[in-house]
Protein backbone atom coordinates (compact mmCIF):
# COMPACT_ATOMS: atom_id res chain seq x y z
CA UNK A 1 109.48 65.42 62.42
CA UNK A 2 112.65 68.08 62.94
CA UNK A 3 114.32 67.96 66.45
CA UNK A 4 113.32 71.21 68.38
CA UNK A 5 116.31 72.55 70.30
CA UNK A 6 115.86 74.18 73.29
CA UNK A 7 118.14 76.72 75.57
CA UNK A 8 117.58 75.96 78.97
CA UNK A 9 119.02 79.15 81.32
CA UNK A 10 120.02 77.92 84.48
CA UNK A 11 121.01 74.24 86.56
CA UNK A 12 119.00 75.45 89.72
CA UNK A 13 116.85 72.75 91.43
CA UNK A 14 113.97 73.52 89.67
CA UNK A 15 116.01 72.52 86.08
CA UNK A 16 115.85 69.36 86.37
CA UNK A 17 112.28 68.06 86.71
CA UNK A 18 111.76 70.48 83.80
CA UNK A 19 114.80 69.16 81.75
CA UNK A 20 113.69 65.69 82.46
CA UNK A 21 109.90 66.22 81.08
CA UNK A 22 111.45 67.65 77.96
CA UNK A 23 113.50 64.80 77.18
CA UNK A 24 110.59 62.19 77.29
CA UNK A 25 109.49 62.85 73.58
CA UNK A 26 112.81 61.90 71.91
CA UNK A 27 112.62 64.67 69.81
CA UNK A 28 114.00 67.60 71.88
CA UNK A 29 117.48 68.74 71.85
CA UNK A 30 118.47 70.73 75.17
CA UNK A 31 121.26 72.64 75.53
CA UNK A 32 121.98 73.77 79.51
CA UNK A 33 123.89 77.00 79.89
CA UNK A 34 125.24 78.57 83.12
CA UNK A 35 127.85 80.79 83.88
CA UNK A 36 130.04 78.41 85.23
CA UNK A 37 130.03 75.36 83.04
CA UNK A 38 130.76 72.79 85.65
CA UNK A 39 127.40 73.66 87.19
CA UNK A 40 125.89 72.87 83.73
CA UNK A 41 127.81 69.77 82.84
CA UNK A 42 126.75 68.83 86.37
CA UNK A 43 122.97 68.29 85.10
CA UNK A 44 123.79 67.44 81.94
CA UNK A 45 126.04 64.41 82.87
CA UNK A 46 122.78 62.89 84.09
CA UNK A 47 121.08 62.86 80.69
CA UNK A 48 121.57 61.96 76.99
CA UNK A 49 120.77 64.48 74.53
CA UNK A 50 121.77 67.88 76.06
CA UNK A 51 124.92 69.67 75.48
CA UNK A 52 126.64 71.98 78.62
CA UNK A 53 127.27 75.46 77.77
CA UNK A 54 128.87 78.28 78.93
CA UNK A 55 127.20 81.97 79.61
CA UNK A 56 127.08 84.73 80.54
CA UNK A 57 124.25 86.92 80.34
CA UNK A 58 125.22 90.04 80.83
CA UNK A 59 127.21 89.16 77.29
CA UNK A 60 124.57 90.38 75.44
CA UNK A 61 126.55 89.62 71.61
CA UNK A 62 126.71 85.92 73.19
CA UNK A 63 123.13 85.76 74.88
CA UNK A 64 121.67 87.14 71.36
CA UNK A 65 123.80 84.34 69.31
CA UNK A 66 122.83 81.32 72.26
CA UNK A 67 118.66 82.43 72.39
CA UNK A 68 118.99 81.94 68.04
CA UNK A 69 120.53 79.44 67.94
CA UNK A 70 117.49 77.28 69.72
CA UNK A 71 113.76 77.41 69.13
CA UNK A 72 112.85 78.53 72.30
CA UNK A 73 114.76 79.43 75.27
CA UNK A 74 113.55 78.58 79.18
CA UNK A 75 114.80 81.40 81.27
CA UNK A 76 114.80 79.78 84.88
CA UNK A 77 117.96 82.24 86.14
CA UNK A 78 117.28 85.27 88.33
CA UNK A 79 113.84 86.83 86.89
CA UNK A 80 115.85 90.44 87.00
CA UNK A 81 117.71 88.91 83.82
CA UNK A 82 114.23 87.61 81.98
CA UNK A 83 113.88 91.06 80.78
CA UNK A 84 117.30 90.83 78.68
CA UNK A 85 116.75 87.08 77.54
CA UNK A 86 113.24 88.69 76.06
CA UNK A 87 115.17 91.29 74.48
CA UNK A 88 117.38 88.57 72.76
CA UNK A 89 114.36 86.04 71.76
CA UNK A 90 112.24 89.45 70.41
CA UNK A 91 115.33 90.05 68.22
CA UNK A 92 115.57 86.28 67.12
CA UNK A 93 111.73 85.91 66.88
CA UNK A 94 112.11 83.10 69.00
CA UNK A 95 109.93 81.92 72.23
CA UNK A 96 110.51 82.25 75.79
CA UNK A 97 109.25 80.17 78.83
CA UNK A 98 110.11 81.93 82.50
CA UNK A 99 108.37 80.67 85.77
CA UNK A 100 108.19 84.26 87.13
CA UNK A 101 105.64 86.91 87.45
CA UNK A 102 105.65 89.55 84.63
CA UNK A 103 107.50 92.54 86.19
CA UNK A 104 107.07 95.86 84.79
CA UNK A 105 109.95 96.01 82.88
CA UNK A 106 108.62 92.35 81.33
CA UNK A 107 105.28 93.92 80.30
CA UNK A 108 106.81 96.52 78.34
CA UNK A 109 107.97 94.25 75.55
CA UNK A 110 104.52 93.25 75.22
CA UNK A 111 104.10 95.15 71.84
CA UNK A 112 107.43 94.27 70.35
CA UNK A 113 107.27 90.19 71.24
CA UNK A 114 103.38 90.83 69.52
CA UNK A 115 105.34 92.57 66.79
CA UNK A 116 107.90 89.83 66.22
CA UNK A 117 104.91 86.95 66.44
CA UNK A 118 106.35 85.41 69.36
CA UNK A 119 105.07 83.76 73.24
CA UNK A 120 106.78 85.07 76.08
CA UNK A 121 105.02 82.66 78.79
CA UNK A 122 105.28 83.64 82.02
CA UNK A 123 103.82 82.45 85.77
CA UNK A 124 104.61 78.48 85.22
CA UNK A 125 105.79 76.86 88.25
CA UNK A 126 103.87 76.68 91.15
CA UNK A 127 103.11 79.58 92.72
CA UNK A 128 102.76 81.84 90.15
CA UNK A 129 101.85 78.71 88.01
CA UNK A 130 99.32 76.33 89.47
CA UNK A 131 97.88 78.60 91.65
CA UNK A 132 96.18 80.31 88.89
CA UNK A 133 95.00 77.42 86.71
CA UNK A 134 93.01 75.92 89.87
CA UNK A 135 91.42 78.97 90.48
CA UNK A 136 90.24 80.40 87.42
CA UNK A 137 89.05 76.69 86.65
CA UNK A 138 86.58 77.42 89.86
CA UNK A 139 86.51 81.05 88.85
CA UNK A 140 84.88 80.82 84.97
CA UNK A 141 83.14 77.98 86.35
CA UNK A 142 81.13 79.65 89.00
CA UNK A 143 80.84 82.95 86.19
CA UNK A 144 78.87 80.53 83.58
CA UNK A 145 76.46 78.76 85.87
CA UNK A 146 75.73 82.61 86.28
CA UNK A 147 76.86 82.83 90.47
CA UNK A 148 79.41 85.07 91.47
CA UNK A 149 82.53 85.08 93.88
CA UNK A 150 82.65 87.00 96.70
CA UNK A 151 85.23 86.30 98.73
CA UNK A 152 88.49 84.17 97.42
CA UNK A 153 91.80 83.25 99.75
CA UNK A 154 94.35 81.04 98.16
CA UNK A 155 97.21 80.06 101.21
CA UNK A 156 100.30 77.74 99.30
CA UNK A 157 103.37 76.60 101.25
CA UNK A 158 106.51 74.58 100.73
CA UNK A 159 106.94 72.70 103.56
CA UNK A 160 108.75 69.72 105.31
CA UNK A 161 106.31 66.64 105.00
CA UNK A 162 104.92 66.22 108.92
CA UNK A 163 107.17 63.57 109.83
CA UNK A 164 110.30 66.07 108.91
CA UNK A 165 109.31 69.18 110.68
CA UNK A 166 111.17 68.19 113.39
CA UNK A 167 112.77 71.36 114.67
CA UNK A 168 111.53 74.64 116.22
CA UNK A 169 110.77 76.47 113.03
CA UNK A 170 108.64 73.34 111.51
CA UNK A 171 110.65 74.32 108.21
CA UNK A 172 113.71 73.54 106.42
CA UNK A 173 115.97 74.21 103.23
CA UNK A 174 116.20 73.27 99.53
CA UNK A 175 118.29 75.68 98.85
CA UNK A 176 119.31 79.24 100.67
CA UNK A 177 117.71 80.63 103.72
CA UNK A 178 118.39 83.95 102.74
CA UNK A 179 115.02 84.16 100.15
CA UNK A 180 113.14 82.95 103.16
CA UNK A 181 114.25 85.16 106.10
CA UNK A 182 113.60 88.62 103.49
CA UNK A 183 110.50 87.61 102.40
CA UNK A 184 109.83 88.46 106.09
CA UNK A 185 110.67 91.45 105.68
CA UNK A 186 107.61 92.06 102.71
CA UNK A 187 104.28 94.15 103.48
CA UNK A 188 101.55 92.99 102.31
CA UNK A 189 98.38 94.51 101.12
CA UNK A 190 94.75 92.50 100.48
CA UNK A 191 91.31 92.96 100.33
CA UNK A 192 89.46 91.72 103.39
CA UNK A 193 85.44 91.93 104.37
CA UNK A 194 85.71 95.16 101.88
CA UNK A 195 88.45 97.06 102.75
CA UNK A 196 92.02 97.43 101.99
CA UNK A 197 94.22 95.77 104.33
CA UNK A 198 97.70 97.19 104.39
CA UNK A 199 100.51 95.40 106.63
CA UNK A 200 103.76 96.70 107.37
CA UNK A 201 107.05 94.46 107.03
CA UNK A 202 107.70 94.42 110.78
CA UNK A 203 104.26 93.36 111.55
CA UNK A 204 103.34 90.55 109.38
CA UNK A 205 104.17 87.62 111.23
CA UNK A 206 101.88 89.25 113.51
CA UNK A 207 98.98 88.56 110.98
CA UNK A 208 99.18 84.96 110.79
CA UNK A 209 96.14 83.16 111.65
CA UNK A 210 94.80 79.79 111.34
CA UNK A 211 94.60 78.37 108.05
CA UNK A 212 92.13 75.04 108.06
CA UNK A 213 93.20 72.67 105.11
CA UNK A 214 93.03 68.95 106.78
CA UNK A 215 92.55 68.16 110.39
CA UNK A 216 96.16 66.56 109.94
CA UNK A 217 98.14 69.44 109.55
CA UNK A 218 98.50 72.50 111.67
CA UNK A 219 99.07 75.47 109.47
CA UNK A 220 99.40 79.18 109.77
CA UNK A 221 99.17 81.71 106.80
CA UNK A 222 99.99 85.53 106.53
CA UNK A 223 99.72 87.72 103.04
CA UNK A 224 101.98 87.01 100.39
CA UNK A 225 103.25 90.76 99.39
CA UNK A 226 100.08 92.76 97.04
CA UNK A 227 97.21 90.37 96.32
CA UNK A 228 95.09 93.26 96.27
CA UNK A 229 95.02 93.50 92.44
CA UNK A 230 93.89 89.83 91.63
CA UNK A 231 90.37 91.24 92.19
CA UNK A 232 90.82 92.46 88.67
CA UNK A 233 93.61 90.26 87.55
CA UNK A 234 91.19 87.15 88.15
CA UNK A 235 88.12 89.27 87.56
CA UNK A 236 86.20 88.98 90.24
CA UNK A 237 84.97 92.16 91.21
CA UNK A 238 82.13 91.07 93.86
CA UNK A 239 85.20 89.49 96.04
CA UNK A 240 84.93 91.56 99.31
CA UNK A 241 87.77 89.01 100.54
CA UNK A 242 90.86 89.07 98.23
CA UNK A 243 93.74 87.53 99.59
CA UNK A 244 96.98 85.27 98.77
CA UNK A 245 99.28 84.02 101.54
CA UNK A 246 101.84 81.78 102.49
CA UNK A 247 101.78 78.49 104.55
CA UNK A 248 103.62 77.69 107.71
CA UNK A 249 103.28 75.52 110.22
CA UNK A 250 102.37 75.97 113.69
CA UNK A 251 104.95 78.08 115.94
CA UNK A 252 106.35 79.30 113.00
CA UNK A 253 105.79 83.10 113.31
CA UNK A 254 106.35 83.78 116.71
CA UNK A 255 109.56 82.29 116.47
CA UNK A 256 110.46 83.96 113.60
CA UNK A 257 109.19 87.43 114.57
CA UNK A 258 111.59 87.20 117.65
CA UNK A 259 114.49 86.68 115.60
CA UNK A 260 113.42 89.63 113.72
CA UNK A 261 112.80 91.58 116.61
CA UNK A 262 116.12 90.97 117.56
CA UNK A 263 117.66 92.37 114.49
CA UNK A 264 118.99 89.57 112.87
CA UNK A 265 117.07 90.98 109.32
CA UNK A 266 120.08 93.28 109.42
CA UNK A 267 122.30 92.77 106.40
CA UNK A 268 124.64 95.89 106.66
CA UNK A 269 128.29 94.81 107.21
CA UNK A 270 129.41 94.13 110.83
CA UNK A 271 133.18 93.86 111.40
CA UNK A 272 133.06 91.38 113.57
CA UNK A 273 131.54 88.89 111.28
CA UNK A 274 134.13 90.09 108.78
CA UNK A 275 135.52 87.15 107.55
CA UNK A 276 138.72 88.15 107.90
CA UNK A 277 138.06 88.82 111.54
CA UNK A 278 140.68 87.18 113.23
CA UNK A 279 139.47 84.02 115.50
CA UNK A 280 136.94 81.83 116.01
CA UNK A 281 133.83 83.72 117.31
CA UNK A 282 131.03 82.22 119.55
CA UNK A 283 127.44 83.01 119.02
CA UNK A 284 127.05 84.25 122.55
CA UNK A 285 129.14 87.52 121.72
CA UNK A 286 127.76 87.70 118.27
CA UNK A 287 124.29 88.06 120.01
CA UNK A 288 125.56 90.08 122.94
CA UNK A 289 126.38 92.70 120.13
CA UNK A 290 123.62 92.48 118.03
CA UNK A 291 121.02 92.84 121.40
CA UNK A 292 123.82 95.64 121.48
CA UNK A 293 124.29 94.75 125.33
CA UNK A 294 128.02 94.26 126.89
CA UNK A 295 127.08 90.70 128.93
CA UNK A 296 127.76 87.78 126.67
CA UNK A 297 126.10 85.59 129.47
CA UNK A 298 124.00 82.72 127.39
CA UNK A 299 121.74 83.01 130.68
CA UNK A 300 122.15 87.14 130.52
CA UNK A 301 120.39 86.65 127.15
CA UNK A 302 118.29 84.27 126.93
CA UNK A 303 115.88 86.87 129.37
CA UNK A 304 117.19 89.79 126.62
CA UNK A 305 115.68 87.67 124.22
CA UNK A 306 112.54 86.57 126.34
CA UNK A 307 112.03 90.24 126.13
CA UNK A 308 111.34 90.01 122.38
CA UNK A 309 109.01 87.63 122.08
CA UNK A 310 105.55 89.41 121.33
CA UNK A 311 103.01 87.00 122.10
CA UNK A 312 101.51 86.17 125.27
CA UNK A 313 101.01 82.90 125.29
CA UNK A 314 102.81 81.20 128.16
CA UNK A 315 103.36 77.88 125.80
CA UNK A 316 104.27 79.71 122.55
CA UNK A 317 106.60 82.00 124.75
CA UNK A 318 108.08 78.31 126.49
CA UNK A 319 108.51 76.85 122.48
CA UNK A 320 110.31 80.19 121.33
CA UNK A 321 112.48 80.22 124.24
CA UNK A 322 113.09 76.16 123.47
CA UNK A 323 113.96 77.42 119.74
CA UNK A 324 116.27 79.81 120.20
CA UNK A 325 118.65 77.64 122.79
CA UNK A 326 118.29 74.36 119.87
CA UNK A 327 119.91 77.59 117.40
CA UNK A 328 122.99 77.87 119.60
CA UNK A 329 122.58 81.60 118.86
CA UNK A 330 123.33 81.92 123.35
CA UNK A 331 125.94 79.49 123.13
CA UNK A 332 129.72 80.09 124.04
CA UNK A 333 130.00 76.64 122.58
CA UNK A 334 128.91 77.45 119.23
CA UNK A 335 131.28 79.05 116.54
CA UNK A 336 129.45 81.36 114.11
CA UNK A 337 130.17 80.64 110.31
CA UNK A 338 131.60 85.02 109.76
CA UNK A 339 128.93 86.34 106.95
CA UNK A 340 129.43 89.47 106.55
CA UNK A 341 125.76 90.73 108.33
CA UNK A 342 123.69 89.62 111.03
CA UNK A 343 121.58 88.52 108.00
CA UNK A 344 123.49 86.03 106.47
CA UNK A 345 125.71 84.53 109.49
CA UNK A 346 122.25 83.15 111.03
CA UNK A 347 121.53 81.92 107.05
CA UNK A 348 124.74 80.13 107.74
CA UNK A 349 122.97 78.96 111.23
CA UNK A 350 120.07 78.06 109.61
CA UNK A 351 121.88 76.09 106.79
CA UNK A 352 123.81 74.00 108.99
CA UNK A 353 120.96 72.84 111.21
CA UNK A 354 117.51 72.61 108.91
CA UNK A 355 118.96 71.68 105.86
CA UNK A 356 116.73 68.31 104.49
CA UNK A 357 118.79 65.52 105.18
CA UNK A 358 118.80 62.02 103.61
CA UNK A 359 116.10 60.27 102.57
CA UNK A 360 113.61 63.13 103.96
CA UNK A 361 110.61 64.65 102.32
CA UNK A 362 108.84 68.03 101.26
CA UNK A 363 105.60 69.04 100.30
CA UNK A 364 103.62 71.44 98.25
CA UNK A 365 99.96 72.20 100.06
CA UNK A 366 97.79 74.91 97.64
CA UNK A 367 94.43 75.54 99.32
CA UNK A 368 91.59 78.47 97.06
CA UNK A 369 88.79 78.84 98.87
CA UNK A 370 85.82 80.14 97.57
CA UNK A 371 82.84 82.25 99.14
CA UNK A 372 79.86 81.28 96.02
CA UNK A 373 76.48 83.56 95.70
CA UNK A 374 74.68 80.84 92.83
CA UNK A 375 72.40 82.47 90.20
CA UNK A 376 68.87 81.87 92.40
CA UNK A 377 71.02 83.58 95.43
CA UNK A 378 72.08 80.50 97.54
CA UNK A 379 75.47 80.67 98.72
CA UNK A 380 78.04 77.66 99.16
CA UNK A 381 81.85 77.51 99.79
CA UNK A 382 83.98 75.75 97.07
CA UNK A 383 87.56 74.45 97.68
CA UNK A 384 90.29 73.26 95.88
CA UNK A 385 93.63 71.32 97.59
CA UNK A 386 96.92 70.38 96.29
CA UNK A 387 99.07 68.20 98.20
CA UNK A 388 101.75 66.63 96.63
CA UNK A 389 105.34 64.87 98.66
CA UNK A 390 108.50 65.01 97.09
CA UNK A 391 110.48 61.77 96.50
CA UNK A 392 113.02 60.66 98.72
CA UNK A 393 116.54 61.19 97.26
CA UNK A 394 114.93 62.09 94.31
CA UNK A 395 112.87 65.40 92.84
CA UNK A 396 111.39 67.28 95.78
CA UNK A 397 107.81 67.94 95.38
CA UNK A 398 108.87 71.90 95.07
CA UNK A 399 110.90 71.37 92.52
CA UNK A 400 108.25 68.90 90.31
CA UNK A 401 105.42 71.43 90.84
CA UNK A 402 107.80 74.76 89.62
CA UNK A 403 109.39 72.86 87.24
CA UNK A 404 107.14 70.35 85.65
CA UNK A 405 104.49 72.95 84.79
CA UNK A 406 107.22 74.95 83.13
CA UNK A 407 108.69 71.80 81.05
CA UNK A 408 104.93 71.30 79.65
CA UNK A 409 103.80 74.91 78.60
CA UNK A 410 107.43 74.92 76.32
CA UNK A 411 106.25 71.53 74.95
CA UNK A 412 102.92 73.01 74.17
CA UNK A 413 104.43 75.90 72.38
CA UNK A 414 106.50 73.30 70.42
CA UNK A 415 103.91 72.17 69.53
CA UNK A 416 102.13 75.17 68.54
CA UNK A 417 99.69 74.36 70.94
CA UNK A 418 99.78 77.33 72.82
CA UNK A 419 99.76 80.32 70.21
CA UNK A 420 99.23 83.32 72.29
CA UNK A 421 101.73 85.76 71.47
CA UNK A 422 103.16 88.32 73.68
CA UNK A 423 104.11 88.70 77.30
CA UNK A 424 101.44 86.11 78.61
CA UNK A 425 100.37 84.37 81.56
CA UNK A 426 97.69 81.69 82.29
CA UNK A 427 94.72 83.61 82.32
CA UNK A 428 92.55 82.36 79.64
CA UNK A 429 91.06 78.77 78.88
CA UNK A 430 92.91 78.62 75.46
CA UNK A 431 96.26 78.79 77.76
CA UNK A 432 95.96 77.32 80.18
CA UNK A 433 93.56 74.32 79.95
CA UNK A 434 95.79 72.59 77.68
CA UNK A 435 98.33 72.80 80.53
CA UNK A 436 96.06 71.35 82.72
CA UNK A 437 94.93 68.30 81.01
CA UNK A 438 98.43 67.23 81.06
CA UNK A 439 99.02 67.71 84.70
CA UNK A 440 97.32 64.75 86.46
CA UNK A 441 99.12 61.99 84.54
CA UNK A 442 102.54 63.90 85.98
CA UNK A 443 100.71 63.41 89.50
CA UNK A 444 99.75 67.12 90.20
CA UNK A 445 96.33 67.48 90.61
CA UNK A 446 93.31 69.57 92.93
CA UNK A 447 90.45 67.81 95.02
CA UNK A 448 88.06 70.15 95.02
CA UNK A 449 85.24 70.14 97.17
CA UNK A 450 81.60 72.16 97.76
CA UNK A 451 80.21 72.47 101.41
C-alpha cells in the first residue's frame, strides 16, 4: 500500500496525541508545519517518520503548495484560518480535518468542496466532537424505538483531577489563561421548559447551578454560548429544554464573578501596565487603580472587593475573600507582571499560580442527560457520562480527547471509510459510527444508564 502524506498544521498541545495515533499505522508520513520551524522541530524530533516545516498560512502561495503536496491536511491552528486552509484544499482537491465548529466562512465553501469531491471534516475533538457522537447515539436509538426526547442537557468540563484541584478556583491551566477568562464574557442562549433563555455575559456566572453527575464531584454548570439551535441540529423538536454548558467545580462562579465585577476583563491598554513603564509594580497599586481608589492599603482594598462579591452566602463570601488573598492582588509584596492590560496582567498572575505541576493530572467529564417519552407513553431518564483522566507527565485528558478523535477521523478518511463530501460534521451514523467503533480501544467511551 502506498504511503499516505499528511500535513499537520500546528504543534499545540492537541497535536501530539493526534500525531502519535496516525504514526501507528506505519503507512503515514506526517509533515508538521508551524510559522516558526523550531516549534515544528520540537515535536518532530520525538517521532521518526515526521518532517518539520516552516509555513506561514497567510502566504497563500506557500499554503497552496504545502496542501497540494499532501493527501490530507489537519488544521489545528486558530479557527479563523480554517476557511483559508479549506480554499487551498479545494483548489488541490485534497481532504481537510479540523476540530473546530463550522463557522459561516467554512459553511460557505460546502458547494465548492462537494464539487472538488473532498471531505472537509470538522467538529471532531471533544466539545465539539465526542459530545456529538454519544448524544446522537442515544437520540437515534430513542427515535428508532418510537420515542421522543423531551429534554436534553449536556455539560462538559476540562478540570483538574479532584486531588489536584487545590486552589480557590478549583481550576488549572495547560496553556494560556486568556481564553478561559474571555469565555466569561460570552452570552448564553438555550431552551428551558419551553422558553428561550438569554443570559448576558455579565450575568453568566450568576446563572451557574449544581450539576449532579457522581456524588464525588461538586460540579456546577452554566450555558455555553448559543445552544438553542441544537433542537434543529440534533432533530429533537419535542425537547422543551435544550442546553449545552460548561462544567466547573463548586466555588468557581462566585470567585470568577468577583473578578469580573472588579473589572479584570478590561483589555484596553493601561499606561501603568505598559511593559516599558519604569520600576517594579506591586499588585496593590494595580488593584487600587482598577477600582478607582486612591488608597492602596491592602485591608482597605479587601473591604472594597468584599462589596463586589454578589453571593450573600457567608461561607461562599469567605471563600472568595480567601481566594483574593491567595491570588495576591492586594499585596504590597507581590509584583505584577506588566502585560499592558488588566486582563493580561491578571492572566500572567493566574498562570504563575495555576499551571499544572509535575505529576499532576487533568480530567475531562462530559454528561448528557435525556428525558425520554417512550412509544407506550412511559417516561424515563437516560444519562451518558464520559470521564477520563490525564496521564501524569504524559498526555492530558483534554489533549487526548481532542487529538485522538481527530486522528481517527483522519485515518478513516484516508482509508475511504468516511467519504461524505463537503463541509461536514459527525452528525449522521455513516460518519460517526466508524469513529465510535474505534474510540473504546483508545480508552475513550461513555457509561450509559437508564433511570
